[in-house]
Protein backbone atom coordinates (compact mmCIF):
# COMPACT_ATOMS: atom_id res chain seq x y z
CA MET A 1 120.71 108.82 123.00
CA ILE A 2 120.43 112.64 123.04
CA ALA A 3 122.56 112.73 119.86
CA ALA A 4 120.09 110.55 117.94
CA PRO A 5 118.56 112.74 115.21
CA ARG A 6 114.78 112.78 115.41
CA ARG A 7 112.57 113.13 112.39
CA SER A 8 112.65 116.39 110.50
CA PRO A 9 109.09 117.73 109.90
CA ALA A 10 110.25 119.29 106.64
CA ALA A 11 111.70 116.08 105.16
CA ARG A 12 109.96 114.60 102.12
CA PRO A 13 110.39 111.23 100.37
CA ALA A 14 113.22 111.31 97.84
CA GLN A 15 115.67 109.05 96.10
CA PRO A 16 118.00 107.40 96.78
CA LEU A 17 116.25 104.89 98.99
CA ILE A 18 118.71 103.80 101.67
CA VAL A 19 117.87 100.45 103.27
CA VAL A 20 119.14 100.27 106.85
CA GLY A 21 119.16 96.96 108.69
CA PRO A 22 121.16 93.98 109.97
CA LEU A 23 122.17 92.97 106.44
CA ARG A 24 124.73 90.42 107.61
CA THR A 25 122.54 88.40 109.94
CA ALA A 26 120.13 85.55 109.23
CA SER A 27 117.28 87.07 111.26
CA GLY A 28 113.80 87.92 110.01
CA LEU A 29 114.57 91.64 109.94
CA GLY A 30 117.86 90.95 108.18
CA GLU A 31 116.03 89.01 105.51
CA SER A 32 113.32 91.67 105.16
CA ALA A 33 116.02 94.31 104.62
CA ARG A 34 117.77 92.22 101.97
CA LEU A 35 114.52 91.42 100.18
CA SER A 36 113.51 95.08 100.15
CA HIS A 37 116.93 96.13 98.84
CA ASP A 38 116.91 93.58 96.01
CA ALA A 39 113.32 94.30 94.96
CA LEU A 40 113.93 98.05 94.84
CA LYS A 41 117.16 97.58 92.93
CA SER A 42 115.55 95.25 90.39
CA SER A 43 112.83 97.82 89.73
CA GLY A 44 115.20 100.63 88.86
CA PHE A 45 115.23 102.67 92.07
CA ASP A 46 118.44 104.36 93.15
CA VAL A 47 118.94 102.10 96.18
CA ARG A 48 121.78 101.96 98.70
CA ALA A 49 122.18 100.38 102.13
CA ILE A 50 123.76 100.73 105.55
CA ASP A 51 124.49 97.65 107.66
CA VAL A 52 123.81 97.81 111.43
CA THR A 53 124.49 94.17 112.32
CA SER A 54 127.30 95.03 114.74
CA THR A 55 125.36 97.98 116.19
CA LEU A 56 122.60 95.55 117.19
CA MET A 57 125.20 93.02 118.41
CA GLN A 58 123.83 90.33 116.12
CA ALA A 59 125.75 87.48 114.57
CA SER A 60 127.32 88.06 111.16
CA ASP A 61 126.12 84.71 109.86
CA PHE A 62 124.86 85.76 106.42
CA PRO A 63 127.97 86.63 104.37
CA GLY A 64 128.06 87.46 100.70
CA PHE A 65 125.28 90.03 100.47
CA GLU A 66 126.43 93.08 98.50
CA TRP A 67 125.21 96.67 98.40
CA ARG A 68 126.24 100.21 97.56
CA ASP A 69 127.22 102.06 100.73
CA GLY A 70 124.56 104.61 101.67
CA ARG A 71 126.96 106.51 103.92
CA SER A 72 128.60 108.06 100.88
CA TRP A 73 125.44 110.04 100.00
CA ASP A 74 125.04 113.51 101.52
CA GLY A 75 121.86 114.82 99.90
CA GLN A 76 118.15 114.22 100.38
CA ALA A 77 117.14 110.59 100.75
CA THR A 78 114.60 108.18 102.20
CA LEU A 79 115.75 105.84 104.95
CA LEU A 80 113.93 102.52 105.11
CA VAL A 81 114.99 101.25 108.54
CA HIS A 82 114.44 97.53 109.16
CA VAL A 83 115.00 97.82 112.92
CA ASN A 84 112.22 97.44 115.47
CA ALA A 85 111.04 100.45 117.42
CA PRO A 86 112.86 99.84 120.75
CA PHE A 87 116.22 99.93 118.92
CA MET A 88 115.53 102.99 116.77
CA PRO A 89 117.23 105.44 119.20
CA LEU A 90 120.40 103.32 119.17
CA VAL A 91 120.49 102.95 115.40
CA MET A 92 119.63 106.59 114.70
CA ALA A 93 122.41 107.69 117.05
CA LYS A 94 124.79 105.42 115.17
CA LEU A 95 123.66 106.86 111.83
CA GLY A 96 124.14 110.41 113.09
CA ARG A 97 124.44 112.84 110.19
CA HIS A 98 123.37 110.11 107.76
CA ALA A 99 119.86 110.34 109.25
CA ARG A 100 119.47 114.11 109.59
CA ASN A 101 116.89 115.89 107.42
CA ARG A 102 115.89 112.65 105.72
CA PHE A 103 112.51 111.00 105.37
CA VAL A 104 112.56 108.03 107.75
CA ILE A 105 110.38 104.92 107.52
CA GLY A 106 110.45 102.30 110.23
CA TYR A 107 109.85 98.81 108.87
CA TRP A 108 108.72 96.96 111.98
CA ALA A 109 107.47 93.47 112.81
CA TRP A 110 106.04 91.95 115.98
CA GLU A 111 104.47 88.60 116.77
CA LEU A 112 101.91 89.27 119.52
CA PRO A 113 98.58 91.15 119.51
CA HIS A 114 100.03 94.26 121.19
CA VAL A 115 103.48 95.83 121.14
CA PRO A 116 105.18 96.49 124.51
CA ALA A 117 105.23 100.03 125.91
CA GLU A 118 108.91 100.54 125.04
CA TRP A 119 107.94 100.62 121.36
CA ARG A 120 106.91 104.23 121.99
CA ASN A 121 110.63 105.04 122.07
CA GLY A 122 110.89 104.57 118.32
CA ILE A 123 107.98 106.78 117.29
CA PRO A 124 109.80 110.19 117.45
CA PHE A 125 112.33 109.02 114.85
CA VAL A 126 109.99 108.03 112.01
CA HIS A 127 107.70 109.80 109.58
CA GLU A 128 105.70 106.66 108.89
CA ILE A 129 105.66 102.95 109.63
CA TRP A 130 105.64 99.96 107.29
CA VAL A 131 104.65 96.48 108.44
CA PRO A 132 104.35 93.08 106.73
CA SER A 133 100.79 92.20 107.79
CA ARG A 134 97.47 93.43 109.14
CA PHE A 135 98.25 91.61 112.39
CA VAL A 136 101.33 93.76 112.99
CA ALA A 137 99.52 96.94 111.94
CA ASP A 138 96.81 96.31 114.51
CA ALA A 139 99.41 95.63 117.21
CA ILE A 140 101.29 98.88 116.58
CA GLN A 141 98.42 101.24 115.87
CA PRO A 142 97.57 102.16 119.51
CA LEU A 143 101.15 103.41 120.08
CA ALA A 144 101.77 104.90 116.62
CA GLY A 145 101.21 108.51 117.67
CA GLY A 146 99.23 109.27 114.53
CA ARG A 147 101.95 108.03 112.17
CA ALA A 148 100.67 106.43 108.99
CA ILE A 149 100.96 102.62 109.00
CA ASN A 150 101.23 100.94 105.61
CA ILE A 151 100.98 97.18 105.10
CA MET A 152 103.88 96.14 102.85
CA PRO A 153 104.21 92.33 102.48
CA HIS A 154 107.73 91.11 101.79
CA PRO A 155 108.82 90.83 98.13
CA ILE A 156 109.99 87.25 98.55
CA ALA A 157 109.90 86.57 94.80
CA ALA A 158 112.89 88.92 94.51
CA SER A 159 115.00 86.29 96.30
CA GLY A 160 115.24 84.28 93.11
CA ALA A 161 112.80 81.59 94.26
CA THR A 162 110.68 80.24 91.44
CA PRO A 163 107.62 77.97 91.48
CA ILE A 164 108.53 74.32 91.00
CA ALA A 165 106.81 72.87 87.96
CA ARG A 166 108.60 69.54 88.28
CA ARG A 167 106.67 68.12 91.22
CA ARG A 168 107.37 64.39 91.49
CA ALA A 169 105.01 61.91 89.90
CA SER A 170 101.96 61.16 92.02
CA SER A 171 102.72 57.45 91.92
CA GLU A 172 105.96 57.92 93.86
CA GLN A 173 105.58 56.55 97.37
CA ARG A 174 108.04 58.76 99.24
CA PHE A 175 106.38 61.73 100.95
CA ASN A 176 108.55 64.57 102.28
CA ALA A 177 107.48 67.22 104.76
CA LEU A 178 109.59 70.26 105.63
CA THR A 179 109.64 72.69 108.55
CA ILE A 180 112.07 75.59 109.02
CA PHE A 181 112.79 77.69 112.10
CA ASN A 182 115.41 79.86 113.79
CA ALA A 183 115.75 79.07 117.49
CA ALA A 184 117.15 82.55 118.16
CA SER A 185 113.75 83.93 117.12
CA SER A 186 112.16 82.08 120.07
CA PHE A 187 112.07 78.30 119.96
CA VAL A 188 108.74 78.18 121.79
CA ARG A 189 107.16 80.67 119.41
CA LYS A 190 108.29 78.71 116.36
CA ASN A 191 107.11 75.50 118.08
CA PRO A 192 108.95 72.88 115.97
CA VAL A 193 108.17 70.18 118.54
CA ALA A 194 104.49 70.40 117.55
CA ALA A 195 105.42 69.82 113.90
CA VAL A 196 107.38 66.74 114.91
CA LYS A 197 104.47 65.45 117.00
CA ALA A 198 102.03 65.98 114.11
CA PHE A 199 104.31 64.10 111.72
CA ARG A 200 104.75 61.20 114.13
CA ALA A 201 100.99 61.04 114.75
CA ALA A 202 100.39 60.89 111.00
CA PHE A 203 103.11 58.46 109.93
CA GLY A 204 104.93 56.97 112.92
CA GLY A 205 108.11 55.31 111.72
CA ASP A 206 106.95 54.85 108.11
CA GLU A 207 110.20 55.14 106.10
CA ASN A 208 108.24 56.24 103.03
CA ALA A 209 107.33 59.44 104.87
CA ARG A 210 110.10 61.78 105.95
CA LEU A 211 110.28 65.06 107.84
CA THR A 212 113.18 67.47 107.44
CA VAL A 213 113.59 69.89 110.34
CA LYS A 214 115.72 72.77 109.06
CA ALA A 215 116.90 74.58 112.19
CA SER A 216 119.38 77.33 112.85
CA ASN A 217 120.90 78.63 116.06
CA LEU A 218 119.77 75.70 118.23
CA ALA A 219 122.68 76.52 120.51
CA ALA A 220 120.88 79.75 121.41
CA PHE A 221 118.39 77.70 123.42
CA PRO A 222 119.84 74.38 124.66
CA GLN A 223 116.60 73.52 126.48
CA GLY A 224 114.75 73.65 123.17
CA ALA A 225 117.40 71.56 121.45
CA LYS A 226 116.91 68.91 124.11
CA GLU A 227 113.11 69.03 123.76
CA LEU A 228 113.46 68.55 120.01
CA GLU A 229 115.83 65.64 120.52
CA VAL A 230 113.37 63.96 122.89
CA ALA A 231 110.46 64.51 120.50
CA ILE A 232 112.38 62.90 117.63
CA ALA A 233 113.91 60.03 119.60
CA GLY A 234 113.50 56.66 117.90
CA CYS A 235 112.35 58.09 114.55
CA SER A 236 114.85 57.45 111.76
CA ASN A 237 112.52 59.15 109.27
CA ILE A 238 113.05 62.61 110.84
CA ASN A 239 116.21 64.51 109.93
CA VAL A 240 117.48 67.66 111.66
CA ILE A 241 119.74 70.15 109.85
CA ASP A 242 121.10 72.75 112.29
CA ALA A 243 123.02 75.25 110.16
CA VAL A 244 122.74 78.49 108.25
CA ILE A 245 122.64 77.42 104.60
CA ASP A 246 122.87 79.35 101.36
CA ARG A 247 120.02 80.07 98.95
CA LYS A 248 120.94 77.16 96.66
CA ALA A 249 120.80 74.63 99.51
CA LEU A 250 117.50 76.07 100.73
CA GLN A 251 116.10 75.84 97.22
CA LEU A 252 116.98 72.15 97.19
CA LEU A 253 115.07 71.55 100.44
CA TYR A 254 111.96 73.10 98.90
CA GLU A 255 112.41 71.07 95.72
CA GLU A 256 112.55 67.84 97.70
CA ALA A 257 109.47 68.65 99.81
CA ASP A 258 105.83 67.81 99.18
CA VAL A 259 104.38 69.99 101.96
CA PHE A 260 105.55 72.63 104.39
CA ILE A 261 104.40 72.61 108.02
CA SER A 262 104.57 75.37 110.64
CA LEU A 263 102.66 75.01 113.88
CA HIS A 264 103.97 78.33 115.17
CA ARG A 265 102.39 80.06 118.11
CA ALA A 266 102.69 83.45 116.40
CA GLU A 267 104.14 85.04 113.27
CA GLY A 268 104.38 88.68 112.30
CA PHE A 269 104.27 87.57 108.68
CA GLY A 270 105.58 84.06 108.08
CA LEU A 271 108.45 84.38 105.60
CA ASN A 272 109.07 80.65 105.31
CA LEU A 273 105.38 79.95 104.79
CA ALA A 274 105.14 82.48 101.98
CA GLU A 275 108.35 81.25 100.39
CA ALA A 276 107.12 77.65 100.51
CA MET A 277 103.97 78.78 98.69
CA LEU A 278 106.09 80.50 96.06
CA HIS A 279 107.86 77.17 95.54
CA GLY A 280 104.55 75.46 94.87
CA LEU A 281 104.10 73.77 98.24
CA PRO A 282 100.80 73.50 100.12
CA VAL A 283 101.33 74.87 103.62
CA ILE A 284 99.95 73.33 106.81
CA ALA A 285 100.07 76.08 109.42
CA THR A 286 98.46 77.58 112.49
CA ASN A 287 95.53 79.71 111.38
CA TRP A 288 96.51 82.75 113.45
CA SER A 289 98.62 85.91 113.33
CA GLY A 290 100.37 87.40 110.28
CA ASN A 291 99.96 84.44 107.92
CA VAL A 292 96.16 84.68 107.87
CA ASP A 293 96.62 87.46 105.30
CA PHE A 294 97.64 84.87 102.70
CA LEU A 295 97.02 81.32 103.98
CA ASN A 296 93.59 79.80 103.41
CA GLU A 297 92.00 76.53 102.27
CA ARG A 298 92.50 77.42 98.58
CA VAL A 299 96.28 77.26 98.94
CA GLY A 300 96.92 75.09 101.99
CA ALA A 301 95.59 73.71 105.25
CA PRO A 302 94.96 76.27 108.03
CA VAL A 303 95.15 74.50 111.40
CA PRO A 304 92.68 75.33 114.21
CA PHE A 305 94.05 76.50 117.55
CA GLU A 306 93.33 77.67 121.08
CA LEU A 307 94.63 80.96 122.46
CA LYS A 308 96.80 80.64 125.56
CA PRO A 309 99.02 83.04 127.56
CA ALA A 310 102.37 83.77 125.94
CA PHE A 311 105.14 82.21 128.01
CA ASP A 312 108.59 82.34 126.44
CA PRO A 313 111.53 81.01 128.49
CA GLN A 314 113.91 82.81 126.11
CA GLY A 315 112.35 86.09 127.21
CA THR A 316 111.62 87.89 123.94
CA TYR A 317 107.92 87.02 123.98
CA GLN A 318 107.46 86.56 127.71
CA HIS A 319 104.11 88.37 127.90
CA PRO A 320 101.62 86.22 129.83
CA ASP A 321 99.22 89.17 129.74
CA MET A 322 98.93 88.55 125.98
CA MET A 323 97.75 85.48 124.10
CA TRP A 324 99.19 83.36 121.35
CA ALA A 325 98.04 80.21 119.56
CA GLU A 326 98.36 76.55 120.49
CA ALA A 327 97.83 74.63 117.26
CA ASP A 328 95.71 71.47 117.16
CA VAL A 329 98.38 68.81 116.57
CA ALA A 330 95.81 66.12 115.75
CA ALA A 331 94.22 68.33 113.09
CA ALA A 332 97.64 69.04 111.59
CA ALA A 333 98.38 65.30 111.49
CA ARG A 334 95.10 64.65 109.67
CA ALA A 335 95.91 67.38 107.14
CA MET A 336 99.36 65.93 106.52
CA LYS A 337 98.01 62.44 106.06
CA ARG A 338 95.33 63.66 103.67
CA LEU A 339 97.85 65.53 101.55
CA ARG A 340 99.93 62.39 101.30
CA ASP A 341 96.94 60.24 100.40
CA GLU A 342 95.54 62.70 97.84
CA PRO A 343 98.34 63.76 95.47
CA ASP A 344 95.91 65.51 93.14
CA LEU A 345 94.73 67.73 95.99
CA ARG A 346 98.33 68.35 96.98
CA ARG A 347 99.22 69.37 93.44
CA ARG A 348 96.19 71.64 93.06
CA LEU A 349 96.85 73.44 96.34
CA GLY A 350 100.51 73.85 95.46
CA GLU A 351 99.70 75.33 92.07
CA GLU A 352 97.20 77.75 93.60
CA ALA A 353 99.74 78.69 96.28
CA ALA A 354 102.44 79.44 93.72
CA GLN A 355 100.10 81.48 91.53
CA PHE A 356 98.97 83.59 94.48
CA ALA A 357 102.49 84.08 95.82
CA GLN A 358 103.87 85.11 92.43
CA GLY A 359 101.43 88.02 92.36
CA ALA A 360 101.23 89.01 96.02
CA PHE A 361 104.93 88.77 96.85
CA SER A 362 106.60 89.89 93.62
CA ALA A 363 109.12 92.70 93.35
CA GLN A 364 106.70 94.49 91.03
CA THR A 365 103.88 94.37 93.58
CA TYR A 366 106.14 95.57 96.37
CA THR A 367 107.72 98.41 94.44
CA GLY A 368 104.33 99.46 93.12
CA ARG A 369 103.25 99.92 96.72
CA VAL A 370 106.47 101.83 97.44
CA ARG A 371 105.82 104.23 94.54
CA ALA A 372 102.20 104.73 95.61
CA ASN A 373 103.07 105.36 99.27
CA LEU A 374 106.02 107.67 98.66
CA GLY A 375 104.94 109.34 95.42
CA ILE A 376 108.34 108.78 93.80
């Protein structure tokens, strides 16, 4: 990695803004790169992009995203690199001359209270660091080497999601819960089995209550797929969708849902939680990690938890010296049952959630922060 260009002390923020990231993959960082690109473009910035999906050896499972190629620009620019710190040397080496003498921002996310030591490897390549939540900022700060860290929540409203004003009539008996996770992002961290257990504790086999488990990449962790199958066994009112779906299909899942549930053990931000709020859904979720910045009792149902050592059989978050959250399944079940039994409460929380999300996660809010931070 000797050829990887390190940051130039003389570089200053300038347009165009070139978003670098795994634009063709359905990962969290891929989505954050796409959201940033679209928000900046919608707000009139000169924005381009460079895809590093193959460089990171990630799956190209998100086709159709379009951008103007940033490699055709030779002048001053700002690179907004949606690649976590340990992979910055690899990506910067791949960029080569496209990274030299440019202002470089690392947009980084992590899901535990401290980042591993190898994150130091990314520091020499960036002028400053952007993160989606206070939780991530606190995790990175001890290794940041004096770099500025700016909290920049994702502009999820730029995805085209809109609050749902057509919530079903309160007299309708059918109650639909939704949970979404990517098994490649650590099945144990996402903890969908706990969501299934909470739903079963609340409703058993009641056919007027249904849970949709929207999964992707279950094949990445067969042990988890089996655990999920065992947890669901015998329940015809729980449906699993294991596929990468387009925005229209995802929109339909939100439209059909009454609540969103995530009993994750840790989130750097919680994209699906925030997007569910934008769609007018009350969110039942573990009251820990990145989502505490925006989830509270005015917009949803924070679930109590105990902190336990982080054991991840997939390896990404195998850090038993650190802690993550074990959500109270019984409390989550009570919250779900209450939101079914009290449609007026469900509607009020959903409306408050959508109103908050429209402001906090809009393209205008995000790009306003970009202008303030960069002075352009």
